[in-house]
Amino acid sequence: MTMINDILNERGNRYGDFSSNATTTQMIKHALSLGENAHNLTYAQREALDMIAHKMSRIVNGDADYIDSWVDIIGYAQLVIDRLKLQQDEINQEITENIAVTENTPEIAAQLQRLEMVDD
């Protein structure tokens, strides 16, 4: 049990009192849940915000100069950004493919050709 107590003491010195941290984290999470669009967030977005709330609480209850806590906040935000960019890329790819398929159908190709002739 001594090893566990040593770890808990070390973490307490770094991040502050667990009870204070829990209270602060839960209050931040509650405030976020009151947002008008909170119910529209994906699970990944919610989890990232939960983890960011946790890191914020550690900063204000413990060692605010501990760089890893700040880096972790950036990391969780970057995970969401990466997912959003991937989704946007997939949407753009699908649009591009649909346009290519549509333009290659004989009826659409004929309509485009007629429009080009009218435009001349």
N, C-alpha and C. Protein backbone atom coordinates (compact mmCIF):
# COMPACT_ATOMS: atom_id res chain seq x y z
N MET A 1 0.82 -1.20 0.00
CA MET A 1 0.00 0.00 0.00
C MET A 1 0.85 1.26 0.00
N THR A 2 2.07 1.16 0.47
CA THR A 2 2.96 2.31 0.54
C THR A 2 3.20 2.89 -0.85
N MET A 3 3.36 2.00 -1.87
CA MET A 3 3.60 2.47 -3.23
C MET A 3 2.42 3.29 -3.74
N ILE A 4 1.20 2.81 -3.49
CA ILE A 4 0.00 3.55 -3.90
C ILE A 4 -0.06 4.90 -3.20
N ASN A 5 0.22 4.92 -1.93
CA ASN A 5 0.20 6.17 -1.17
C ASN A 5 1.25 7.15 -1.69
N ASP A 6 2.42 6.63 -2.05
CA ASP A 6 3.47 7.49 -2.62
C ASP A 6 2.99 8.12 -3.93
N ILE A 7 2.36 7.30 -4.77
CA ILE A 7 1.85 7.81 -6.06
C ILE A 7 0.76 8.85 -5.82
N LEU A 8 -0.16 8.56 -4.91
CA LEU A 8 -1.24 9.50 -4.62
C LEU A 8 -0.70 10.81 -4.05
N ASN A 9 0.29 10.73 -3.20
CA ASN A 9 0.91 11.95 -2.65
C ASN A 9 1.59 12.75 -3.75
N GLU A 10 2.31 12.05 -4.62
CA GLU A 10 2.98 12.73 -5.73
C GLU A 10 1.97 13.43 -6.64
N ARG A 11 0.90 12.72 -6.98
CA ARG A 11 -0.14 13.30 -7.84
C ARG A 11 -0.85 14.46 -7.14
N GLY A 12 -1.10 14.30 -5.86
CA GLY A 12 -1.75 15.38 -5.09
C GLY A 12 -0.89 16.64 -5.09
N ASN A 13 0.41 16.46 -4.97
CA ASN A 13 1.31 17.62 -5.02
C ASN A 13 1.30 18.28 -6.39
N ARG A 14 1.17 17.47 -7.43
CA ARG A 14 1.19 17.99 -8.81
C ARG A 14 -0.15 18.58 -9.22
N TYR A 15 -1.25 17.87 -8.90
CA TYR A 15 -2.57 18.24 -9.43
C TYR A 15 -3.53 18.82 -8.41
N GLY A 16 -3.17 18.83 -7.15
CA GLY A 16 -4.05 19.37 -6.12
C GLY A 16 -4.90 18.29 -5.48
N ASP A 17 -5.67 18.69 -4.52
CA ASP A 17 -6.54 17.79 -3.77
C ASP A 17 -7.59 17.15 -4.67
N PHE A 18 -7.76 15.84 -4.54
CA PHE A 18 -8.69 15.11 -5.40
C PHE A 18 -10.11 15.64 -5.28
N SER A 19 -10.55 15.90 -4.08
CA SER A 19 -11.92 16.36 -3.85
C SER A 19 -12.16 17.73 -4.51
N SER A 20 -11.20 18.63 -4.36
CA SER A 20 -11.31 19.95 -5.01
C SER A 20 -11.31 19.80 -6.52
N ASN A 21 -10.45 18.92 -7.01
CA ASN A 21 -10.37 18.67 -8.43
C ASN A 21 -11.69 18.12 -8.96
N ALA A 22 -12.26 17.15 -8.23
CA ALA A 22 -13.52 16.54 -8.65
C ALA A 22 -14.63 17.59 -8.71
N THR A 23 -14.69 18.43 -7.70
CA THR A 23 -15.72 19.48 -7.66
C THR A 23 -15.56 20.45 -8.82
N THR A 24 -14.35 20.93 -9.04
CA THR A 24 -14.09 21.87 -10.13
C THR A 24 -14.41 21.25 -11.48
N THR A 25 -13.94 20.01 -11.70
CA THR A 25 -14.18 19.33 -12.97
C THR A 25 -15.66 19.17 -13.23
N GLN A 26 -16.40 18.71 -12.23
CA GLN A 26 -17.84 18.49 -12.41
C GLN A 26 -18.59 19.80 -12.66
N MET A 27 -18.14 20.87 -12.03
CA MET A 27 -18.78 22.17 -12.26
C MET A 27 -18.53 22.66 -13.69
N ILE A 28 -17.30 22.46 -14.18
CA ILE A 28 -17.00 22.84 -15.57
C ILE A 28 -17.86 22.02 -16.52
N LYS A 29 -17.92 20.71 -16.30
CA LYS A 29 -18.72 19.83 -17.16
C LYS A 29 -20.20 20.23 -17.13
N HIS A 30 -20.68 20.56 -15.94
CA HIS A 30 -22.08 20.99 -15.83
C HIS A 30 -22.31 22.27 -16.63
N ALA A 31 -21.40 23.23 -16.50
CA ALA A 31 -21.54 24.48 -17.25
C ALA A 31 -21.56 24.20 -18.75
N LEU A 32 -20.71 23.30 -19.22
CA LEU A 32 -20.68 22.96 -20.65
C LEU A 32 -21.97 22.29 -21.09
N SER A 33 -22.56 21.49 -20.21
CA SER A 33 -23.80 20.80 -20.57
C SER A 33 -24.98 21.76 -20.74
N LEU A 34 -24.85 22.97 -20.22
CA LEU A 34 -25.92 23.96 -20.34
C LEU A 34 -25.91 24.69 -21.68
N GLY A 35 -24.87 24.46 -22.46
CA GLY A 35 -24.77 25.11 -23.76
C GLY A 35 -25.93 24.73 -24.68
N GLU A 36 -26.35 25.67 -25.48
CA GLU A 36 -27.51 25.49 -26.35
C GLU A 36 -27.36 24.28 -27.29
N ASN A 37 -26.16 24.01 -27.74
CA ASN A 37 -25.95 22.91 -28.68
C ASN A 37 -25.18 21.74 -28.08
N ALA A 38 -25.11 21.68 -26.76
CA ALA A 38 -24.35 20.60 -26.10
C ALA A 38 -24.87 19.23 -26.50
N HIS A 39 -26.16 19.12 -26.71
CA HIS A 39 -26.75 17.82 -27.06
C HIS A 39 -26.40 17.38 -28.49
N ASN A 40 -25.87 18.28 -29.30
CA ASN A 40 -25.51 17.95 -30.68
C ASN A 40 -24.08 17.45 -30.84
N LEU A 41 -23.30 17.48 -29.76
CA LEU A 41 -21.90 17.07 -29.85
C LEU A 41 -21.79 15.56 -30.06
N THR A 42 -20.77 15.16 -30.79
CA THR A 42 -20.50 13.73 -30.93
C THR A 42 -19.88 13.22 -29.63
N TYR A 43 -19.82 11.90 -29.50
CA TYR A 43 -19.19 11.33 -28.31
C TYR A 43 -17.73 11.77 -28.22
N ALA A 44 -17.04 11.81 -29.36
CA ALA A 44 -15.64 12.22 -29.36
C ALA A 44 -15.49 13.67 -28.90
N GLN A 45 -16.37 14.55 -29.36
CA GLN A 45 -16.32 15.95 -28.95
C GLN A 45 -16.62 16.08 -27.46
N ARG A 46 -17.61 15.33 -26.98
CA ARG A 46 -17.93 15.38 -25.54
C ARG A 46 -16.77 14.89 -24.70
N GLU A 47 -16.18 13.76 -25.13
CA GLU A 47 -15.07 13.21 -24.36
C GLU A 47 -13.88 14.16 -24.35
N ALA A 48 -13.60 14.78 -25.49
CA ALA A 48 -12.49 15.75 -25.54
C ALA A 48 -12.75 16.90 -24.58
N LEU A 49 -13.97 17.41 -24.58
CA LEU A 49 -14.30 18.50 -23.66
C LEU A 49 -14.22 18.04 -22.20
N ASP A 50 -14.66 16.82 -21.93
CA ASP A 50 -14.55 16.29 -20.57
C ASP A 50 -13.10 16.22 -20.13
N MET A 51 -12.24 15.74 -21.01
CA MET A 51 -10.82 15.63 -20.66
C MET A 51 -10.18 17.02 -20.53
N ILE A 52 -10.59 17.94 -21.37
CA ILE A 52 -10.08 19.32 -21.27
C ILE A 52 -10.54 19.93 -19.94
N ALA A 53 -11.79 19.67 -19.55
CA ALA A 53 -12.29 20.16 -18.26
C ALA A 53 -11.45 19.59 -17.12
N HIS A 54 -11.13 18.32 -17.23
CA HIS A 54 -10.30 17.65 -16.22
C HIS A 54 -8.92 18.31 -16.13
N LYS A 55 -8.33 18.57 -17.28
CA LYS A 55 -7.00 19.20 -17.31
C LYS A 55 -7.06 20.63 -16.78
N MET A 56 -8.11 21.36 -17.13
CA MET A 56 -8.28 22.72 -16.62
C MET A 56 -8.38 22.71 -15.09
N SER A 57 -9.13 21.75 -14.56
CA SER A 57 -9.27 21.65 -13.12
C SER A 57 -7.94 21.37 -12.44
N ARG A 58 -7.15 20.49 -13.06
CA ARG A 58 -5.83 20.20 -12.50
C ARG A 58 -4.96 21.46 -12.49
N ILE A 59 -5.10 22.27 -13.52
CA ILE A 59 -4.29 23.50 -13.61
C ILE A 59 -4.67 24.47 -12.49
N VAL A 60 -5.96 24.67 -12.28
CA VAL A 60 -6.38 25.67 -11.29
C VAL A 60 -6.32 25.16 -9.85
N ASN A 61 -6.23 23.84 -9.68
CA ASN A 61 -6.13 23.28 -8.33
C ASN A 61 -4.73 22.82 -7.96
N GLY A 62 -3.86 22.72 -8.95
CA GLY A 62 -2.52 22.21 -8.70
C GLY A 62 -1.45 23.10 -9.27
N ASP A 63 -0.50 22.49 -9.94
CA ASP A 63 0.66 23.19 -10.49
C ASP A 63 0.32 23.77 -11.87
N ALA A 64 0.03 25.06 -11.90
CA ALA A 64 -0.34 25.72 -13.16
C ALA A 64 0.83 25.83 -14.13
N ASP A 65 2.03 25.59 -13.65
CA ASP A 65 3.23 25.67 -14.50
C ASP A 65 3.63 24.31 -15.06
N TYR A 66 2.84 23.28 -14.80
CA TYR A 66 3.15 21.94 -15.31
C TYR A 66 2.74 21.88 -16.78
N ILE A 67 3.72 21.90 -17.65
CA ILE A 67 3.49 22.02 -19.10
C ILE A 67 2.62 20.90 -19.65
N ASP A 68 2.80 19.69 -19.16
CA ASP A 68 2.04 18.55 -19.69
C ASP A 68 0.53 18.78 -19.65
N SER A 69 0.04 19.44 -18.63
CA SER A 69 -1.41 19.70 -18.54
C SER A 69 -1.86 20.59 -19.69
N TRP A 70 -1.07 21.58 -20.03
CA TRP A 70 -1.39 22.48 -21.14
C TRP A 70 -1.28 21.76 -22.48
N VAL A 71 -0.25 20.93 -22.61
CA VAL A 71 -0.07 20.16 -23.85
C VAL A 71 -1.23 19.18 -24.04
N ASP A 72 -1.68 18.56 -22.95
CA ASP A 72 -2.81 17.64 -23.04
C ASP A 72 -4.06 18.33 -23.57
N ILE A 73 -4.30 19.56 -23.14
CA ILE A 73 -5.46 20.32 -23.64
C ILE A 73 -5.36 20.48 -25.15
N ILE A 74 -4.19 20.87 -25.62
CA ILE A 74 -3.98 21.00 -27.07
C ILE A 74 -4.21 19.67 -27.76
N GLY A 75 -3.71 18.60 -27.16
CA GLY A 75 -3.84 17.27 -27.77
C GLY A 75 -5.29 16.85 -27.94
N TYR A 76 -6.11 17.05 -26.91
CA TYR A 76 -7.52 16.66 -27.02
C TYR A 76 -8.25 17.52 -28.05
N ALA A 77 -7.93 18.79 -28.10
CA ALA A 77 -8.53 19.65 -29.13
C ALA A 77 -8.09 19.20 -30.52
N GLN A 78 -6.83 18.83 -30.67
CA GLN A 78 -6.31 18.39 -31.98
C GLN A 78 -6.99 17.10 -32.44
N LEU A 79 -7.31 16.21 -31.51
CA LEU A 79 -8.02 14.98 -31.88
C LEU A 79 -9.36 15.30 -32.53
N VAL A 80 -10.07 16.27 -31.97
CA VAL A 80 -11.36 16.67 -32.55
C VAL A 80 -11.15 17.33 -33.92
N ILE A 81 -10.17 18.22 -33.99
CA ILE A 81 -9.87 18.89 -35.27
C ILE A 81 -9.56 17.86 -36.35
N ASP A 82 -8.75 16.87 -36.03
CA ASP A 82 -8.38 15.84 -37.01
C ASP A 82 -9.61 15.07 -37.49
N ARG A 83 -10.51 14.74 -36.57
CA ARG A 83 -11.73 14.02 -36.96
C ARG A 83 -12.61 14.89 -37.85
N LEU A 84 -12.73 16.18 -37.53
CA LEU A 84 -13.55 17.08 -38.33
C LEU A 84 -12.97 17.26 -39.73
N LYS A 85 -11.65 17.38 -39.82
CA LYS A 85 -11.01 17.50 -41.13
C LYS A 85 -11.20 16.24 -41.96
N LEU A 86 -11.09 15.08 -41.33
CA LEU A 86 -11.30 13.82 -42.03
C LEU A 86 -12.72 13.73 -42.55
N GLN A 87 -13.69 14.09 -41.72
CA GLN A 87 -15.09 14.08 -42.15
C GLN A 87 -15.31 15.03 -43.32
N GLN A 88 -14.71 16.22 -43.26
CA GLN A 88 -14.86 17.19 -44.34
C GLN A 88 -14.21 16.67 -45.62
N ASP A 89 -13.05 16.05 -45.50
CA ASP A 89 -12.39 15.46 -46.67
C ASP A 89 -13.25 14.37 -47.29
N GLU A 90 -13.88 13.55 -46.45
CA GLU A 90 -14.75 12.48 -46.95
C GLU A 90 -15.96 13.06 -47.67
N ILE A 91 -16.52 14.13 -47.13
CA ILE A 91 -17.67 14.79 -47.76
C ILE A 91 -17.25 15.37 -49.11
N ASN A 92 -16.11 16.06 -49.13
CA ASN A 92 -15.63 16.65 -50.38
C ASN A 92 -15.36 15.58 -51.43
N GLN A 93 -14.80 14.45 -51.02
CA GLN A 93 -14.52 13.35 -51.94
C GLN A 93 -15.82 12.79 -52.50
N GLU A 94 -16.81 12.63 -51.65
CA GLU A 94 -18.10 12.11 -52.09
C GLU A 94 -18.76 13.07 -53.08
N ILE A 95 -18.68 14.36 -52.81
CA ILE A 95 -19.25 15.36 -53.72
C ILE A 95 -18.55 15.28 -55.08
N THR A 96 -17.22 15.21 -55.04
CA THR A 96 -16.44 15.13 -56.28
C THR A 96 -16.81 13.89 -57.07
N GLU A 97 -16.93 12.75 -56.39
CA GLU A 97 -17.29 11.51 -57.07
C GLU A 97 -18.69 11.58 -57.65
N ASN A 98 -19.63 12.17 -56.91
CA ASN A 98 -21.00 12.30 -57.40
C ASN A 98 -21.07 13.21 -58.62
N ILE A 99 -20.29 14.28 -58.61
CA ILE A 99 -20.27 15.17 -59.77
C ILE A 99 -19.71 14.44 -60.98
N ALA A 100 -18.64 13.69 -60.78
CA ALA A 100 -18.02 12.95 -61.89
C ALA A 100 -18.99 11.92 -62.45
N VAL A 101 -19.69 11.21 -61.57
CA VAL A 101 -20.66 10.20 -62.02
C VAL A 101 -21.80 10.87 -62.76
N THR A 102 -22.30 11.97 -62.21
CA THR A 102 -23.42 12.68 -62.83
C THR A 102 -23.05 13.22 -64.20
N GLU A 103 -21.86 13.80 -64.32
CA GLU A 103 -21.45 14.36 -65.60
C GLU A 103 -21.21 13.29 -66.65
N ASN A 104 -20.97 12.07 -66.23
CA ASN A 104 -20.68 10.99 -67.17
C ASN A 104 -21.92 10.24 -67.63
N THR A 105 -23.09 10.56 -67.09
CA THR A 105 -24.30 9.91 -67.59
C THR A 105 -24.66 10.54 -68.93
N PRO A 106 -25.13 9.75 -69.88
CA PRO A 106 -25.42 10.27 -71.24
C PRO A 106 -26.40 11.45 -71.24
N GLU A 107 -27.43 11.38 -70.39
CA GLU A 107 -28.43 12.46 -70.37
C GLU A 107 -27.82 13.77 -69.90
N ILE A 108 -27.04 13.69 -68.83
CA ILE A 108 -26.41 14.89 -68.28
C ILE A 108 -25.37 15.43 -69.26
N ALA A 109 -24.59 14.53 -69.86
CA ALA A 109 -23.58 14.95 -70.83
C ALA A 109 -24.24 15.69 -71.99
N ALA A 110 -25.38 15.18 -72.46
CA ALA A 110 -26.10 15.83 -73.56
C ALA A 110 -26.62 17.19 -73.13
N GLN A 111 -27.14 17.29 -71.93
CA GLN A 111 -27.64 18.57 -71.43
C GLN A 111 -26.49 19.58 -71.30
N LEU A 112 -25.36 19.13 -70.79
CA LEU A 112 -24.21 20.03 -70.66
C LEU A 112 -23.74 20.50 -72.03
N GLN A 113 -23.75 19.60 -73.00
CA GLN A 113 -23.32 19.95 -74.35
C GLN A 113 -24.27 20.99 -74.94
N ARG A 114 -25.59 20.80 -74.74
CA ARG A 114 -26.56 21.79 -75.24
C ARG A 114 -26.36 23.14 -74.57
N LEU A 115 -26.10 23.11 -73.27
CA LEU A 115 -25.86 24.37 -72.57
C LEU A 115 -24.62 25.07 -73.08
N GLU A 116 -23.59 24.32 -73.36
CA GLU A 116 -22.37 24.92 -73.90
C GLU A 116 -22.62 25.54 -75.27
N MET A 117 -23.46 24.89 -76.06
CA MET A 117 -23.77 25.41 -77.41
C MET A 117 -24.56 26.69 -77.30
N VAL A 118 -25.50 26.74 -76.34
CA VAL A 118 -26.32 27.93 -76.14
C VAL A 118 -25.45 29.08 -75.65
N ASP A 119 -24.49 28.76 -74.83
CA ASP A 119 -23.61 29.77 -74.25
C ASP A 119 -22.71 30.39 -75.31
N ASP A 120 -22.38 29.65 -76.34
CA ASP A 120 -21.51 30.18 -77.41
C ASP A 120 -22.27 31.21 -78.17
